[in-house]
Protein backbone atom coordinates (compact mmCIF):
# COMPACT_ATOMS: atom_id res chain seq x y z
CA MET A 1 131.93 45.43 163.79
CA ASN A 2 129.37 43.93 161.39
CA ILE A 3 130.87 41.93 158.53
CA THR A 4 128.69 41.27 155.49
CA PRO A 5 128.77 37.56 154.61
CA SER A 6 129.98 36.76 151.13
CA PRO A 7 126.99 36.11 148.83
CA ARG A 8 126.49 32.78 147.07
CA VAL A 9 125.40 34.49 143.84
CA ALA A 10 127.34 36.78 141.50
CA ILE A 11 125.91 38.78 138.60
CA ILE A 12 128.30 39.66 135.77
CA VAL A 13 126.99 42.75 133.96
CA VAL A 14 128.53 42.90 130.49
CA ALA A 15 128.88 46.58 129.55
CA ALA A 16 131.94 46.54 127.30
CA GLY A 17 130.25 46.51 123.88
CA SER A 18 131.06 49.16 121.29
CA GLY A 19 127.46 49.71 120.19
CA THR A 20 128.25 49.90 116.46
CA ARG A 21 124.67 49.23 115.37
CA LEU A 22 123.33 51.79 117.83
CA ASP A 23 125.61 54.42 116.27
CA ALA A 24 125.43 56.68 119.34
CA GLY A 25 129.03 57.86 119.29
CA GLY A 26 130.34 55.80 122.20
CA PRO A 27 130.16 52.50 124.10
CA LYS A 28 126.55 51.36 124.16
CA ALA A 29 126.20 50.86 127.92
CA PHE A 30 127.15 54.50 128.53
CA VAL A 31 124.56 55.97 126.17
CA GLY A 32 121.80 57.81 128.00
CA ILE A 33 118.23 56.52 128.04
CA ASP A 34 117.22 59.64 129.93
CA GLU A 35 119.63 61.59 132.12
CA HIS A 36 120.98 58.19 133.22
CA THR A 37 123.05 55.72 131.21
CA MET A 38 121.90 52.36 129.97
CA LEU A 39 124.19 50.76 132.56
CA ARG A 40 122.67 52.83 135.36
CA HIS A 41 119.20 51.59 134.41
CA ALA A 42 120.42 47.99 134.14
CA LEU A 43 121.86 48.20 137.64
CA ARG A 44 118.49 49.21 139.03
CA GLY A 45 117.17 45.75 138.11
CA VAL A 46 120.35 44.05 139.26
CA PHE A 47 120.26 45.67 142.70
CA SER A 48 116.53 45.03 143.14
CA ALA A 49 117.19 41.29 142.91
CA ALA A 50 118.36 39.19 145.86
CA SER A 51 121.76 40.07 147.33
CA ALA A 52 124.66 39.23 145.03
CA GLN A 53 128.19 40.26 144.16
CA VAL A 54 128.00 42.48 141.08
CA VAL A 55 130.87 42.40 138.57
CA ILE A 56 130.65 45.14 135.94
CA VAL A 57 132.71 44.54 132.80
CA ALA A 58 133.45 47.97 131.31
CA PRO A 59 135.36 49.20 128.26
CA SER A 60 138.94 50.28 128.83
CA GLY A 61 138.97 53.84 130.12
CA ARG A 62 135.34 53.79 131.29
CA GLU A 63 135.87 51.83 134.52
CA GLY A 64 135.50 54.93 136.69
CA GLU A 65 132.17 55.84 135.08
CA ALA A 66 130.93 52.31 135.70
CA LEU A 67 131.92 52.59 139.35
CA THR A 68 130.13 55.94 139.59
CA ASP A 69 126.97 54.44 138.06
CA ALA A 70 127.12 51.66 140.64
CA ALA A 71 127.56 54.15 143.49
CA GLU A 72 124.49 56.05 142.27
CA ALA A 73 122.42 52.91 141.75
CA SER A 74 122.61 51.50 145.27
CA ALA A 75 122.84 53.21 148.62
CA GLU A 76 123.44 49.92 150.46
CA ARG A 77 125.34 47.52 148.21
CA HIS A 78 128.20 49.49 146.67
CA ASP A 79 130.70 47.44 148.66
CA MET A 80 129.58 44.36 146.70
CA VAL A 81 130.58 45.84 143.32
CA THR A 82 133.72 44.98 141.34
CA VAL A 83 134.61 46.69 138.05
CA VAL A 84 136.91 44.98 135.54
CA THR A 85 138.06 45.82 132.01
CA GLY A 86 136.43 43.95 129.15
CA GLY A 87 138.06 42.04 126.31
CA VAL A 88 137.94 42.23 122.53
CA THR A 89 134.91 39.90 122.29
CA ARG A 90 131.88 39.39 124.48
CA GLN A 91 133.20 35.95 125.43
CA ALA A 92 136.51 37.46 126.53
CA SER A 93 134.62 40.07 128.56
CA VAL A 94 132.58 37.42 130.37
CA ALA A 95 135.78 35.50 131.08
CA ALA A 96 137.28 38.65 132.61
CA GLY A 97 134.22 39.07 134.80
CA LEU A 98 134.27 35.42 135.81
CA ALA A 99 137.87 35.75 136.96
CA ALA A 100 136.78 38.46 139.42
CA VAL A 101 134.03 36.43 141.09
CA TRP A 102 134.58 35.94 144.82
CA PRO A 103 135.63 32.47 146.08
CA ALA A 104 132.43 31.72 148.02
CA VAL A 105 130.11 32.31 145.04
CA GLU A 106 128.25 29.17 143.87
CA ILE A 107 125.94 30.56 141.15
CA VAL A 108 126.89 33.03 138.40
CA LEU A 109 124.43 35.01 136.30
CA VAL A 110 125.56 36.77 133.12
CA HIS A 111 123.52 39.80 132.10
CA ASP A 112 123.78 42.21 129.17
CA ALA A 113 123.66 45.87 130.21
CA ALA A 114 121.89 46.45 126.88
CA ARG A 115 118.85 44.71 128.41
CA ALA A 116 118.63 47.75 130.63
CA LEU A 117 115.02 47.50 131.76
CA THR A 118 115.09 43.88 132.95
CA PRO A 119 113.16 43.64 136.28
CA GLY A 120 114.79 42.13 139.36
CA SER A 121 112.19 39.37 139.44
CA VAL A 122 113.77 37.76 136.36
CA PHE A 123 117.11 37.42 138.19
CA ASP A 124 115.36 35.76 141.13
CA ARG A 125 113.50 33.32 138.85
CA VAL A 126 116.75 32.23 137.24
CA VAL A 127 118.48 31.62 140.59
CA ASP A 128 115.48 29.67 141.93
CA ALA A 129 115.51 27.42 138.85
CA ILE A 130 119.23 26.72 139.18
CA ASP A 131 118.69 25.73 142.81
CA ARG A 132 115.89 23.33 141.76
CA THR A 133 117.58 21.71 138.77
CA GLY A 134 121.31 22.31 138.91
CA TRP A 135 121.11 23.07 135.17
CA GLY A 136 121.95 26.21 133.30
CA VAL A 137 118.89 28.46 133.12
CA ILE A 138 117.83 31.15 130.65
CA PRO A 139 114.76 33.41 130.62
CA VAL A 140 112.75 33.16 127.39
CA LEU A 141 109.67 34.62 125.75
CA PRO A 142 107.45 32.71 123.31
CA VAL A 143 107.73 33.63 119.65
CA ILE A 144 104.37 35.11 118.67
CA ASP A 145 105.04 35.96 115.02
CA THR A 146 104.57 33.42 112.25
CA ILE A 147 108.07 32.37 111.21
CA LYS A 148 108.82 31.60 107.57
CA ARG A 149 111.77 29.76 106.09
CA VAL A 150 113.12 31.70 103.11
CA ASP A 151 115.70 31.24 100.37
CA GLY A 152 116.56 34.67 99.00
CA ALA A 153 113.24 36.27 98.05
CA ARG A 154 111.35 32.96 97.96
CA VAL A 155 109.41 31.55 100.92
CA THR A 156 110.20 27.85 101.19
CA GLY A 157 108.25 26.80 104.25
CA VAL A 158 106.85 27.52 107.71
CA VAL A 159 108.68 26.97 110.99
CA ASP A 160 106.66 25.54 113.88
CA ARG A 161 106.80 28.41 116.35
CA SER A 162 105.58 26.19 119.22
CA GLU A 163 109.14 24.87 119.39
CA LEU A 164 110.73 28.33 119.41
CA ALA A 165 111.50 30.85 122.13
CA ALA A 166 113.44 34.12 122.24
CA ALA A 167 116.33 33.94 124.71
CA GLN A 168 117.07 36.82 127.10
CA THR A 169 119.48 37.52 129.95
CA PRO A 170 120.39 37.06 132.76
CA GLN A 171 121.52 33.54 131.97
CA GLY A 172 122.55 31.62 135.06
CA PHE A 173 124.75 28.63 135.82
CA ARG A 174 126.44 26.81 138.62
CA ARG A 175 129.83 28.41 138.92
CA ASP A 176 131.75 25.18 138.34
CA VAL A 177 129.74 24.47 135.19
CA LEU A 178 130.35 27.93 133.73
CA GLU A 179 134.06 27.95 134.58
CA THR A 180 134.75 24.52 133.09
CA SER A 181 132.69 25.35 129.99
CA TYR A 182 134.71 28.51 129.40
CA ALA A 183 137.94 26.60 129.97
CA VAL A 184 137.21 24.20 127.09
CA ALA A 185 135.53 26.63 124.67
CA THR A 186 137.31 26.98 121.34
CA THR A 187 134.53 28.73 119.40
CA GLU A 188 132.80 32.10 119.81
CA TYR A 189 129.14 31.58 120.76
CA THR A 190 126.25 34.02 120.57
CA ASP A 191 125.38 33.57 124.24
CA ASP A 192 126.58 31.77 127.34
CA ALA A 193 123.86 29.12 127.21
CA ALA A 194 125.13 27.98 123.79
CA LEU A 195 128.68 27.79 125.13
CA VAL A 196 127.62 25.77 128.17
CA ALA A 197 125.38 23.47 126.09
CA ALA A 198 128.28 22.82 123.69
CA ALA A 199 130.29 21.61 126.70
CA GLY A 200 127.61 18.96 127.32
CA HIS A 201 125.49 20.57 130.03
CA GLN A 202 121.71 20.82 130.15
CA ILE A 203 119.86 24.11 129.86
CA ALA A 204 116.42 24.90 131.30
CA SER A 205 114.18 27.91 130.73
CA VAL A 206 112.07 30.19 132.87
CA GLU A 207 109.64 32.93 131.95
CA GLY A 208 111.32 36.07 130.69
CA ASP A 209 109.89 39.58 130.61
CA PRO A 210 108.90 41.87 127.72
CA LEU A 211 110.88 44.68 129.38
CA ALA A 212 114.07 42.65 129.03
CA PHE A 213 114.40 43.44 125.32
CA LYS A 214 117.88 44.19 124.03
CA ILE A 215 118.69 47.76 123.00
CA THR A 216 120.57 47.30 119.74
CA THR A 217 119.27 49.85 117.23
CA PRO A 218 118.19 53.50 117.45
CA ALA A 219 114.56 52.29 117.33
CA ASP A 220 115.19 50.09 120.39
CA LEU A 221 116.69 53.05 122.23
CA GLU A 222 113.68 55.21 121.41
CA ARG A 223 111.39 52.44 122.69
CA ALA A 224 113.34 52.31 125.95
CA ARG A 225 113.13 56.08 126.34
CA THR A 226 109.38 55.97 125.83
CA LEU A 227 109.00 53.29 128.50
CA VAL A 228 111.26 55.06 130.98
CA ALA A 229 109.77 58.55 130.62
CA PRO A 230 106.71 57.96 132.85
CA HIS A 231 108.83 56.13 135.45
CA PRO A 232 112.14 57.99 135.92
CA ILE A 233 114.73 56.76 138.37
CA ALA A 234 114.13 58.41 141.71
CA PRO A 235 117.11 60.34 143.09
CA VAL A 236 119.26 58.08 145.24
CA ARG A 237 121.84 59.29 147.71
CA SER A 238 124.64 56.92 146.99
CA SER A 239 126.71 55.48 149.78
CA LEU A 240 129.97 53.66 150.08
CA ASP A 241 129.20 52.47 153.61
CA ARG A 242 126.11 51.42 155.45
CA SER A 243 124.24 54.33 157.00
CA PRO A 244 125.10 56.34 158.96
CA ARG A 245 128.29 57.12 157.10
CA ALA A 246 131.34 58.46 158.83
CA PRO A 247 133.80 60.93 157.31
CA ARG A 248 136.47 59.28 155.19
CA VAL A 249 140.17 60.05 154.68
CA GLY A 250 142.18 59.38 151.54
CA VAL A 251 145.88 59.63 150.69
CA GLY A 252 147.36 60.43 147.28
CA THR A 253 150.83 60.85 145.84
CA ASP A 254 152.29 61.75 142.47
CA VAL A 255 155.75 62.11 140.93
CA HIS A 256 156.81 63.76 137.68
CA GLY A 257 160.24 64.39 136.22
CA PHE A 258 161.32 67.61 134.54
CA SER A 259 161.11 67.33 130.76
CA GLY A 260 162.86 70.59 129.89
CA GLU A 261 160.17 71.40 127.30
CA GLY A 262 157.53 74.08 127.76
CA THR A 263 156.55 75.88 130.95
CA LEU A 264 156.08 74.43 134.41
CA TRP A 265 152.53 74.04 135.75
CA LEU A 266 152.33 73.20 139.43
CA ALA A 267 149.57 73.63 142.03
CA GLY A 268 147.36 75.05 139.29
CA LEU A 269 149.80 77.88 138.53
CA GLU A 270 152.09 78.59 135.61
CA TRP A 271 155.73 79.15 136.62
CA GLU A 272 157.46 81.05 133.85
CA GLY A 273 161.15 80.38 133.46
CA GLU A 274 160.92 76.94 135.09
CA PRO A 275 161.23 73.67 133.11
CA ALA A 276 158.01 71.75 132.51
CA LEU A 277 157.13 68.44 134.11
CA ALA A 278 156.58 65.45 131.84
CA GLY A 279 153.14 63.83 131.76
CA HIS A 280 150.01 62.96 129.77
CA SER A 281 148.48 66.25 130.90
CA ASP A 282 150.56 69.13 132.25
CA GLY A 283 152.40 66.98 134.82
CA ASP A 284 150.99 68.97 137.78
CA ALA A 285 152.04 66.60 140.58
CA VAL A 286 150.26 68.67 143.24
CA ALA A 287 146.88 68.59 141.48
CA HIS A 288 147.26 64.91 140.61
CA ALA A 289 148.08 63.95 144.20
CA ILE A 290 144.95 65.81 145.34
CA VAL A 291 142.82 63.95 142.79
CA ASP A 292 144.16 60.59 143.98
CA ALA A 293 143.55 61.49 147.63
CA LEU A 294 139.93 62.52 146.96
CA LEU A 295 139.11 59.48 144.82
CA SER A 296 140.79 57.21 147.35
CA ALA A 297 138.69 58.59 150.19
CA ALA A 298 135.49 58.04 148.21
CA GLY A 299 136.46 54.58 146.98
CA LEU A 300 136.11 55.70 143.37
CA GLY A 301 139.38 54.37 141.99
CA ASP A 302 142.33 56.59 141.16
CA ILE A 303 143.43 59.20 138.65
CA GLY A 304 144.20 56.58 136.03
CA THR A 305 140.65 55.24 136.31
CA HIS A 306 139.05 58.53 135.33
CA PHE A 307 141.77 60.52 133.54
CA GLY A 308 144.05 57.89 131.97
CA THR A 309 145.99 58.07 128.74
CA ALA A 310 143.08 56.43 126.92
CA GLN A 311 141.14 59.69 127.35
CA PRO A 312 142.71 62.17 124.92
CA GLU A 313 140.54 65.04 126.15
CA TYR A 314 142.83 65.32 129.19
CA ALA A 315 146.08 65.51 127.21
CA GLY A 316 147.68 68.79 128.24
CA ALA A 317 144.83 69.61 130.64
CA HIS A 318 145.52 71.76 133.70
CA ALA A 319 144.54 71.38 137.34
CA ASP A 320 141.18 73.12 136.95
CA ALA A 321 139.85 70.41 134.61
CA PHE A 322 140.97 67.51 136.82
CA LEU A 323 139.83 69.00 140.11
CA ALA A 324 136.44 70.22 138.88
CA ARG A 325 135.61 66.81 137.39
CA THR A 326 136.76 65.06 140.57
CA ALA A 327 134.57 67.32 142.71
CA ALA A 328 131.62 66.46 140.47
CA LEU A 329 132.26 62.71 140.84
CA LEU A 330 132.35 63.10 144.62
CA GLY A 331 129.09 65.04 144.61
CA GLU A 332 127.41 62.37 142.49
CA ALA A 333 128.55 59.76 145.01
CA GLY A 334 127.18 61.71 147.98
CA TRP A 335 130.39 63.25 149.36
CA ALA A 336 131.52 66.79 150.13
CA ILE A 337 135.15 67.83 150.57
CA GLY A 338 136.04 68.73 154.15
CA ASN A 339 139.58 69.85 153.45
CA VAL A 340 142.73 68.90 151.56
CA ALA A 341 146.33 69.22 152.74
CA VAL A 342 149.14 68.73 150.23
CA GLN A 343 152.90 68.82 150.60
CA VAL A 344 155.14 69.32 147.59
CA GLN A 345 158.76 68.20 147.69
CA ALA A 346 160.91 70.04 145.17
CA SER A 347 164.22 71.86 144.87
CA ARG A 348 162.49 74.26 142.51
CA PRO A 349 160.37 76.32 142.17
CA ARG A 350 160.27 78.22 145.46
CA PHE A 351 156.72 78.17 146.79
CA ALA A 352 156.79 80.70 149.62
CA ALA A 353 155.90 83.75 147.53
CA ARG A 354 153.00 82.04 145.72
CA ARG A 355 151.62 79.74 148.43
CA ALA A 356 148.43 81.77 149.00
CA GLU A 357 147.86 82.08 145.26
CA ALA A 358 148.23 78.31 144.81
CA GLU A 359 145.83 77.57 147.67
CA ALA A 360 143.25 79.98 146.26
CA ARG A 361 143.49 78.46 142.76
CA LEU A 362 143.18 74.88 143.99
CA SER A 363 140.33 75.77 146.34
CA ALA A 364 138.38 77.50 143.56
CA ALA A 365 138.78 74.47 141.29
CA LEU A 366 137.30 72.28 144.05
CA GLY A 367 134.27 74.51 144.50
CA GLY A 368 135.60 76.45 147.47
CA ALA A 369 136.88 73.56 149.58
CA ALA A 370 139.70 74.41 151.99
CA VAL A 371 143.12 73.55 150.55
CA SER A 372 146.45 74.04 152.28
CA VAL A 373 149.81 73.69 150.55
CA SER A 374 153.19 73.23 152.18
CA ALA A 375 156.54 72.86 150.47
CA THR A 376 159.89 71.41 151.43
CA THR A 377 163.18 70.29 149.94
CA THR A 378 164.90 67.00 150.69
CA ASP A 379 168.26 68.43 151.76
CA GLY A 380 169.79 67.42 148.46
CA LEU A 381 168.76 63.77 148.79
CA GLY A 382 167.14 61.59 146.13
CA PHE A 383 165.85 62.60 142.72
CA VAL A 384 164.15 65.67 144.22
CA GLY A 385 167.40 66.84 145.75
CA ALA A 386 169.15 66.27 142.44
CA GLY A 387 166.64 68.57 140.75
CA GLU A 388 165.29 65.79 138.53
CA GLY A 389 161.60 66.22 139.36
CA VAL A 390 158.80 66.95 141.83
CA GLN A 391 156.94 64.77 144.31
CA ALA A 392 153.68 65.60 146.09
CA PHE A 393 151.69 63.97 148.88
CA ALA A 394 148.05 64.82 149.67
CA VAL A 395 145.56 63.93 152.38
CA ALA A 396 141.84 64.58 151.88
CA LEU A 397 138.87 64.49 154.24
CA LEU A 398 135.39 63.79 152.86
CA VAL A 399 132.10 64.17 154.71
CA PRO A 400 128.77 62.60 153.70
CA VAL A 401 126.02 64.82 152.35
């Protein structure tokens, strides 16, 4: 068995910003430049750099999408990706990413997903400079415009631009320096270099890249789209293991109690005359267990990652919506469903008469994948035996495509 050694470098990709100035109707990192998100493009540069742990800091409720972007971005290094939930401020988000860095990491780079077109060579230059100096390092570009000092509408002087540079990311630091600087920070800073410098550490610079501009406004986004159009991302078959990939098995379970309100939905079917199950959606324990088993097999998180309570579009949704979206996520990650077996434990309803119907409905929602459903009682034991709710267990087999 080959074990990948832990890298000495980690790259924190900050993708938790709201994107207010971009005004694109959602978190900035998940806005499309072309058919791919800003984050997906940023990860192309991240993964083209030297091997590193990659920590993606995503907005709450978008962790699963971040993981999917990572799976699409690299066919070889998906096992080096960690996704965490961001904080209220950028500084809090970086702190969350820093807490997820692996123990053996010595150097940490912090990169804004909004600088989506940054080439991998910039990451390598920053790491090389840290190794040479031990200082914090930032990529910069010279300021080429004449800079004026103004007071309202009146020009009061000229600033010597030879002393100025425009800072970019990734900004890199020795891990111990960054951690101790964050531990003592009491002020919000505009970037990590300012925070580290305020803690008394030296900062060096390396050459940046014009492509590493920050996408902040609609004009910036249009510029990025123009640059990307002649050079689209080539299709990548994502992988969760090193090639060749073997089939993978996942297990899922779900439990819901009867609420007594509405109609029961279970295994994708409506059961008139039976009490409903409580839940954010329709409480379909069978469908939810299947979703967890499929996502588990693919290493794409769980049902809460993709369909949590923070996503109101799934409130009251039925099995078809969950299963179709899950099948799409698997396809994007390079997996096909071999088969799914699910057992439901319930005192009611009685499944025997509708077993074939349930299997057909679940199979259709998964694009024709084979689904088998079995049902049993618990001989009057536990909450199921007491008629308080339903429990389901699912096992799924995935095969690489």
